[in-house]
Amino acid sequence: MKILGIESSCDETAVAIVDGERNILAHNILSQIAEHSPFGGVVPEIAARSHLSFIEDLINTTLKDANLTLEQIDGIAVTAGPGLIGGVIVGVMVAKALAAVTQKPFLAINHLEGHALTCRLTHDVDYPFLLLLVSGGHCQILLVKNLANYELLGSTMDDSIGEAFDKVAKMMDLGYPGGPEVEQKALKGDPFKYNFPKSMVGKDHLNFSFSGLKTAVKRTIDSLTSLTEQDINDICASFQYTCGEIIKDRIIRALEHNIANNIEVNVLVVAGGVAANKYLQNILAGIANNYNIELIAPPLKLCTDNAAMIAWAGVERLKSGLINDLSFEPMATWPLEKLNVLS
């Protein structure tokens, strides 16, 4: 089985081909960082136009890299949401056209499910597992019971953690994307220099909040008469430390929730762009070790948005007979825990 996957939900145009034995036969990603950097964030119209301009060539290149023709592909998988709707529409329309012309199965993939199932592509993880999904648009804790069977345990009540990293970076003109910049600056800073608020820590529920933390960082920056390089390093370190403490508290409570409800999970998975942050990975590794479970984090190239995860989700869905009709409509919002309803 060979599935062609298309990802165009934000600011990367990506195409990949993955087979049923977990081999990535070809994978190409075209970044739009240069187009969006002057604005300090993603401009939806620019993103959609870029997807439209390059997606056809990227599909042809990926087929050539895999030494395959379109006729040799067994299904067409595409991110059908959630995401910036203009980009999602571009990908879905192209995928529908390919499926219609070749008479191949059309597989509408939830972008978040792509992230969730990456661990099964890279590490063949068994269900069920606990998932921390952290990215520029999402911050959630989910119990992944099976394919298309997700229980949402906690979610952000305002900003996502990735959004907070990017906005803090923008406050100090560190460039875009901001997450990697903050992580690098934090290595040279004092994590205890500033006592930022640890929102939701100690609360019985499993939700997140990063808006107050982001505001506290802004107030600290505004209070300084001049922003030195060491000030920036210390702010980044203190901010990242605070994020780590919030994540630590929420994940420990999620694991205790599972224990209290006799839900056995042997793997903690972290996925999404923020999963690439080594500081947060180390915190999660310590938690996993204390609970005698395994921590799985995808390789760096599969943490951020990519088409290999979309193609793999397509493999899993095609194997399970979860094929979509060509009338399927792209969606800007598509909660992962509602996915089984729409399958």
Protein backbone atom coordinates (compact mmCIF):
# COMPACT_ATOMS: atom_id res chain seq x y z
CA MET A 1 0.00 0.00 0.00
CA LYS A 2 1.31 3.44 -0.97
CA ILE A 3 -0.45 6.64 0.09
CA LEU A 4 0.27 10.14 -1.19
CA GLY A 5 -0.24 12.76 1.50
CA ILE A 6 -0.75 16.52 1.09
CA GLU A 7 -0.40 19.10 3.88
CA SER A 8 -1.29 22.78 3.37
CA SER A 9 -3.00 23.85 6.60
CA CYS A 10 -0.64 26.68 7.54
CA ASP A 11 2.69 27.96 6.18
CA GLU A 12 4.31 24.81 4.81
CA THR A 13 3.36 23.15 1.55
CA ALA A 14 4.26 19.48 1.93
CA VAL A 15 3.80 16.28 -0.04
CA ALA A 16 4.89 12.77 0.95
CA ILE A 17 4.45 9.14 -0.03
CA VAL A 18 4.36 6.53 2.74
CA ASP A 19 3.79 2.80 2.43
CA GLY A 20 1.99 0.35 4.68
CA GLU A 21 5.26 -0.86 6.22
CA ARG A 22 6.04 2.55 7.74
CA ASN A 23 8.54 3.58 5.09
CA ILE A 24 8.64 7.21 3.98
CA LEU A 25 9.33 6.76 0.27
CA ALA A 26 9.56 10.48 -0.48
CA HIS A 27 8.89 13.67 1.42
CA ASN A 28 9.19 17.32 0.37
CA ILE A 29 8.39 20.44 2.39
CA LEU A 30 8.37 23.96 1.01
CA SER A 31 8.61 26.49 3.83
CA GLN A 32 7.06 29.94 3.62
CA ILE A 33 9.13 31.50 6.42
CA ALA A 34 10.66 34.08 4.08
CA GLU A 35 7.22 35.27 2.94
CA HIS A 36 5.82 35.65 6.45
CA SER A 37 8.87 36.83 8.42
CA PRO A 38 8.38 40.54 7.60
CA PHE A 39 4.97 40.34 9.30
CA GLY A 40 6.12 38.41 12.39
CA GLY A 41 3.51 35.69 11.78
CA VAL A 42 1.52 33.84 9.16
CA VAL A 43 -0.59 35.93 6.77
CA PRO A 44 -3.42 33.60 5.62
CA GLU A 45 -3.84 35.11 2.15
CA ILE A 46 -0.12 34.90 1.39
CA ALA A 47 -0.06 31.32 2.65
CA ALA A 48 -2.96 30.22 0.45
CA ARG A 49 -1.50 31.83 -2.67
CA SER A 50 1.85 30.17 -2.05
CA HIS A 51 0.23 26.75 -1.65
CA LEU A 52 -1.63 27.25 -4.93
CA SER A 53 1.54 28.30 -6.75
CA PHE A 54 3.75 25.38 -5.73
CA ILE A 55 1.61 22.37 -4.83
CA GLU A 56 1.46 20.85 -8.32
CA ASP A 57 5.23 20.96 -8.83
CA LEU A 58 5.76 19.53 -5.34
CA ILE A 59 3.48 16.57 -6.09
CA ASN A 60 5.34 15.84 -9.33
CA THR A 61 8.71 16.12 -7.59
CA THR A 62 7.63 13.77 -4.80
CA LEU A 63 6.36 11.15 -7.25
CA LYS A 64 9.64 11.39 -9.14
CA ASP A 65 11.68 11.07 -5.92
CA ALA A 66 9.79 7.88 -5.04
CA ASN A 67 10.13 6.58 -8.61
CA LEU A 68 6.37 6.15 -8.78
CA THR A 69 3.54 7.24 -11.05
CA LEU A 70 0.21 8.49 -9.82
CA GLU A 71 -1.39 5.27 -11.04
CA GLN A 72 0.80 3.31 -8.60
CA ILE A 73 -0.58 5.24 -5.62
CA ASP A 74 -3.31 3.46 -3.62
CA GLY A 75 -4.95 6.49 -2.04
CA ILE A 76 -4.83 10.27 -1.74
CA ALA A 77 -4.72 11.68 1.80
CA VAL A 78 -4.97 15.37 2.56
CA THR A 79 -5.30 17.67 5.53
CA ALA A 80 -8.98 18.64 5.45
CA GLY A 81 -8.82 20.67 8.67
CA PRO A 82 -8.29 22.24 11.07
CA GLY A 83 -6.17 25.08 9.77
CA LEU A 84 -6.16 28.31 7.80
CA ILE A 85 -9.15 27.67 5.59
CA GLY A 86 -7.65 29.12 2.40
CA GLY A 87 -4.70 26.75 2.50
CA VAL A 88 -6.86 23.81 3.55
CA ILE A 89 -9.16 24.42 0.57
CA VAL A 90 -6.20 24.43 -1.84
CA GLY A 91 -4.97 21.05 -0.59
CA VAL A 92 -8.42 19.45 -0.49
CA MET A 93 -9.37 20.58 -3.99
CA VAL A 94 -6.11 19.26 -5.44
CA ALA A 95 -6.49 15.94 -3.59
CA LYS A 96 -10.09 15.55 -4.75
CA ALA A 97 -9.05 16.18 -8.35
CA LEU A 98 -6.30 13.55 -8.12
CA ALA A 99 -8.65 11.03 -6.51
CA ALA A 100 -11.36 11.65 -9.09
CA VAL A 101 -9.05 11.39 -12.09
CA THR A 102 -7.28 8.23 -10.86
CA GLN A 103 -10.34 6.67 -9.21
CA LYS A 104 -8.31 6.22 -6.02
CA PRO A 105 -9.73 6.47 -2.47
CA PHE A 106 -9.98 9.99 -1.06
CA LEU A 107 -8.90 10.27 2.59
CA ALA A 108 -9.80 13.47 4.46
CA ILE A 109 -7.34 13.69 7.35
CA ASN A 110 -7.66 15.71 10.52
CA HIS A 111 -4.37 17.57 10.89
CA LEU A 112 -4.28 16.83 14.61
CA GLU A 113 -4.77 13.13 13.99
CA GLY A 114 -1.73 13.30 11.74
CA HIS A 115 0.30 14.57 14.69
CA ALA A 116 -1.30 12.05 17.02
CA LEU A 117 -0.44 9.04 14.84
CA THR A 118 3.13 10.08 13.99
CA CYS A 119 4.37 7.94 16.88
CA ARG A 120 2.87 4.89 15.20
CA LEU A 121 4.75 5.73 12.00
CA THR A 122 8.08 6.23 13.75
CA HIS A 123 7.85 3.87 16.75
CA ASP A 124 4.91 1.51 16.08
CA VAL A 125 3.27 2.55 19.37
CA ASP A 126 0.31 0.44 20.50
CA TYR A 127 -3.02 1.90 21.59
CA PRO A 128 -3.93 3.30 24.05
CA PHE A 129 -1.43 6.07 24.82
CA LEU A 130 -1.43 9.50 26.46
CA LEU A 131 -0.82 12.35 24.04
CA LEU A 132 0.42 15.87 24.75
CA LEU A 133 -0.27 17.84 21.58
CA VAL A 134 1.65 21.13 21.63
CA SER A 135 1.92 23.40 18.61
CA GLY A 136 1.37 26.93 17.37
CA GLY A 137 -2.37 26.44 17.30
CA HIS A 138 -3.07 23.74 19.88
CA CYS A 139 -2.27 22.66 23.42
CA GLN A 140 -4.17 19.55 24.45
CA ILE A 141 -3.91 16.39 26.50
CA LEU A 142 -5.71 13.44 24.95
CA LEU A 143 -6.17 9.77 25.66
CA VAL A 144 -5.70 8.05 22.30
CA LYS A 145 -7.81 4.93 22.64
CA ASN A 146 -7.70 3.82 19.01
CA LEU A 147 -7.86 5.14 15.48
CA ALA A 148 -10.60 7.82 15.40
CA ASN A 149 -11.24 7.33 19.12
CA TYR A 150 -9.93 10.20 21.21
CA GLU A 151 -10.85 11.46 24.66
CA LEU A 152 -9.98 15.09 25.34
CA LEU A 153 -8.69 15.42 28.90
CA GLY A 154 -7.56 19.03 28.82
CA SER A 155 -7.09 21.95 26.42
CA THR A 156 -5.92 25.54 26.41
CA MET A 157 -8.47 28.10 27.52
CA ASP A 158 -6.78 30.88 25.53
CA ASP A 159 -3.39 30.86 23.79
CA SER A 160 -1.56 27.72 22.77
CA ILE A 161 1.96 27.19 24.07
CA GLY A 162 3.44 27.56 20.58
CA GLU A 163 1.60 30.85 20.11
CA ALA A 164 2.96 32.06 23.46
CA PHE A 165 6.54 31.22 22.41
CA ASP A 166 6.10 33.08 19.12
CA LYS A 167 4.53 36.14 20.72
CA VAL A 168 7.17 36.37 23.43
CA ALA A 169 9.83 36.20 20.71
CA LYS A 170 8.07 38.94 18.77
CA MET A 171 8.00 41.19 21.87
CA MET A 172 11.82 41.13 21.81
CA ASP A 173 12.24 41.18 18.00
CA LEU A 174 13.81 37.71 17.96
CA GLY A 175 12.43 36.81 14.55
CA TYR A 176 9.97 34.26 13.21
CA PRO A 177 9.35 31.46 13.99
CA GLY A 178 9.95 32.43 17.59
CA GLY A 179 10.01 29.09 19.40
CA PRO A 180 13.53 28.00 18.39
CA GLU A 181 14.86 31.52 19.04
CA VAL A 182 13.47 31.57 22.59
CA GLU A 183 14.89 28.10 23.26
CA GLN A 184 18.38 29.15 22.14
CA LYS A 185 18.36 32.39 24.14
CA ALA A 186 17.13 30.50 27.21
CA LEU A 187 20.30 28.39 27.23
CA LYS A 188 22.27 31.49 28.23
CA GLY A 189 19.75 32.88 30.73
CA ASP A 190 18.76 32.51 34.38
CA PRO A 191 15.44 30.58 34.62
CA PHE A 192 14.83 31.99 38.11
CA LYS A 193 15.47 35.64 37.29
CA TYR A 194 11.79 36.46 36.83
CA ASN A 195 8.91 34.90 38.74
CA PHE A 196 6.26 34.60 36.04
CA PRO A 197 2.76 33.27 36.90
CA LYS A 198 2.27 29.52 36.58
CA SER A 199 -1.31 29.56 35.33
CA MET A 200 -3.51 26.58 36.24
CA VAL A 201 -0.80 24.87 38.29
CA GLY A 202 -2.49 23.10 41.19
CA LYS A 203 -5.95 23.16 39.62
CA ASP A 204 -7.93 19.91 39.65
CA HIS A 205 -8.86 20.10 35.96
CA LEU A 206 -6.38 19.46 33.13
CA ASN A 207 -6.75 22.66 31.11
CA PHE A 208 -4.00 25.14 30.20
CA SER A 209 -3.72 28.92 30.08
CA PHE A 210 -0.82 30.94 28.68
CA SER A 211 -2.41 34.36 28.22
CA GLY A 212 -1.50 35.59 31.70
CA LEU A 213 2.06 34.38 31.32
CA LYS A 214 2.39 36.17 28.00
CA THR A 215 1.04 39.38 29.56
CA ALA A 216 3.47 39.11 32.49
CA VAL A 217 6.39 38.82 30.09
CA LYS A 218 5.19 41.93 28.23
CA ARG A 219 4.95 43.90 31.46
CA THR A 220 8.44 42.82 32.46
CA ILE A 221 9.86 43.93 29.11
CA ASP A 222 8.06 47.27 29.35
CA SER A 223 9.40 47.83 32.87
CA LEU A 224 13.03 47.68 31.74
CA THR A 225 14.58 50.99 30.71
CA SER A 226 16.76 49.21 28.18
CA LEU A 227 16.66 45.60 26.99
CA THR A 228 20.15 44.12 27.09
CA GLU A 229 21.17 40.81 25.55
CA GLN A 230 21.35 39.27 29.02
CA ASP A 231 17.88 40.62 29.85
CA ILE A 232 16.57 38.83 26.76
CA ASN A 233 18.33 35.61 27.74
CA ASP A 234 16.95 35.77 31.29
CA ILE A 235 13.40 36.53 30.13
CA CYS A 236 13.50 33.63 27.67
CA ALA A 237 14.89 31.27 30.30
CA SER A 238 12.33 32.31 32.91
CA PHE A 239 9.49 32.07 30.41
CA GLN A 240 10.56 28.63 29.21
CA TYR A 241 11.02 27.44 32.81
CA THR A 242 7.49 28.59 33.64
CA CYS A 243 6.07 26.79 30.60
CA GLY A 244 7.87 23.68 31.75
CA GLU A 245 6.38 23.90 35.23
CA ILE A 246 2.89 24.29 33.77
CA ILE A 247 3.37 21.31 31.45
CA LYS A 248 4.82 19.22 34.29
CA ASP A 249 1.85 19.88 36.58
CA ARG A 250 -0.73 19.17 33.88
CA ILE A 251 0.87 15.91 32.69
CA ILE A 252 1.36 14.55 36.20
CA ARG A 253 -2.30 15.25 36.92
CA ALA A 254 -3.30 13.55 33.67
CA LEU A 255 -1.32 10.44 34.60
CA GLU A 256 -2.84 10.44 38.09
CA HIS A 257 -6.28 10.81 36.46
CA ASN A 258 -5.61 7.67 34.41
CA ILE A 259 -4.44 5.75 37.46
CA ALA A 260 -7.49 6.79 39.46
CA ASN A 261 -9.75 5.62 36.64
CA ASN A 262 -7.88 2.33 36.11
CA ILE A 263 -6.74 3.40 32.64
CA GLU A 264 -3.43 1.74 31.85
CA VAL A 265 -1.09 3.54 29.45
CA ASN A 266 2.53 2.60 28.98
CA VAL A 267 3.54 5.42 26.65
CA LEU A 268 3.48 9.21 26.89
CA VAL A 269 3.67 10.82 23.45
CA VAL A 270 4.49 14.46 22.78
CA ALA A 271 3.69 15.75 19.28
CA GLY A 272 3.39 19.05 17.42
CA GLY A 273 5.94 21.75 16.71
CA VAL A 274 6.73 22.50 20.37
CA ALA A 275 7.66 18.82 20.83
CA ALA A 276 10.99 19.79 19.25
CA ASN A 277 11.88 21.85 22.35
CA LYS A 278 14.61 19.88 24.15
CA TYR A 279 14.02 21.55 27.50
CA LEU A 280 10.37 20.48 27.55
CA GLN A 281 11.32 17.02 26.26
CA ASN A 282 13.69 16.58 29.22
CA ILE A 283 10.94 17.52 31.67
CA LEU A 284 8.58 15.00 30.10
CA ALA A 285 11.32 12.35 30.10
CA GLY A 286 11.74 12.82 33.84
CA ILE A 287 8.01 12.44 34.41
CA ALA A 288 7.87 9.32 32.24
CA ASN A 289 10.78 7.81 34.14
CA ASN A 290 9.10 8.49 37.50
CA TYR A 291 5.92 6.74 36.30
CA ASN A 292 7.86 3.88 34.66
CA ILE A 293 6.43 4.59 31.20
CA GLU A 294 8.09 5.38 27.89
CA LEU A 295 8.30 8.88 26.39
CA ILE A 296 8.03 9.05 22.61
CA ALA A 297 8.82 12.24 20.70
CA PRO A 298 8.94 12.22 16.88
CA PRO A 299 12.21 13.15 15.15
CA LEU A 300 12.61 16.88 14.60
CA LYS A 301 11.58 16.80 10.93
CA LEU A 302 8.25 15.16 11.88
CA CYS A 303 7.45 17.43 14.85
CA THR A 304 6.42 20.39 12.75
CA ASP A 305 3.74 20.29 10.05
CA ASN A 306 4.59 17.70 7.41
CA ALA A 307 2.93 15.46 4.84
CA ALA A 308 4.43 12.17 6.02
CA MET A 309 2.11 12.20 9.04
CA ILE A 310 -0.86 12.91 6.77
CA ALA A 311 0.07 10.07 4.43
CA TRP A 312 0.51 7.70 7.40
CA ALA A 313 -2.88 8.65 8.84
CA GLY A 314 -4.19 7.85 5.36
CA VAL A 315 -2.57 4.41 5.53
CA GLU A 316 -4.22 3.67 8.86
CA ARG A 317 -7.60 4.90 7.70
CA LEU A 318 -7.52 3.05 4.39
CA LYS A 319 -6.58 -0.17 6.19
CA SER A 320 -9.62 0.35 8.43
CA GLY A 321 -11.93 1.16 5.52
CA LEU A 322 -12.43 4.79 6.60
CA ILE A 323 -12.70 6.33 3.14
CA ASN A 324 -14.32 9.70 2.53
CA ASP A 325 -16.69 10.83 -0.19
CA LEU A 326 -15.57 13.57 -2.58
CA SER A 327 -18.32 15.76 -1.14
CA PHE A 328 -16.34 16.10 2.12
CA GLU A 329 -15.99 19.81 2.95
CA PRO A 330 -12.75 21.33 4.31
CA MET A 331 -13.00 22.78 7.82
CA ALA A 332 -11.22 25.59 9.64
CA THR A 333 -12.07 23.97 13.00
CA TRP A 334 -12.34 20.23 13.57
CA PRO A 335 -11.98 19.00 17.17
CA LEU A 336 -10.03 15.77 17.34
CA GLU A 337 -12.34 14.25 19.95
CA LYS A 338 -15.24 14.65 17.47
CA LEU A 339 -13.38 12.86 14.72
CA ASN A 340 -15.14 9.51 15.10
CA VAL A 341 -18.46 11.26 14.44
CA LEU A 342 -17.24 12.54 11.07
CA SER A 343 -15.40 9.43 9.90
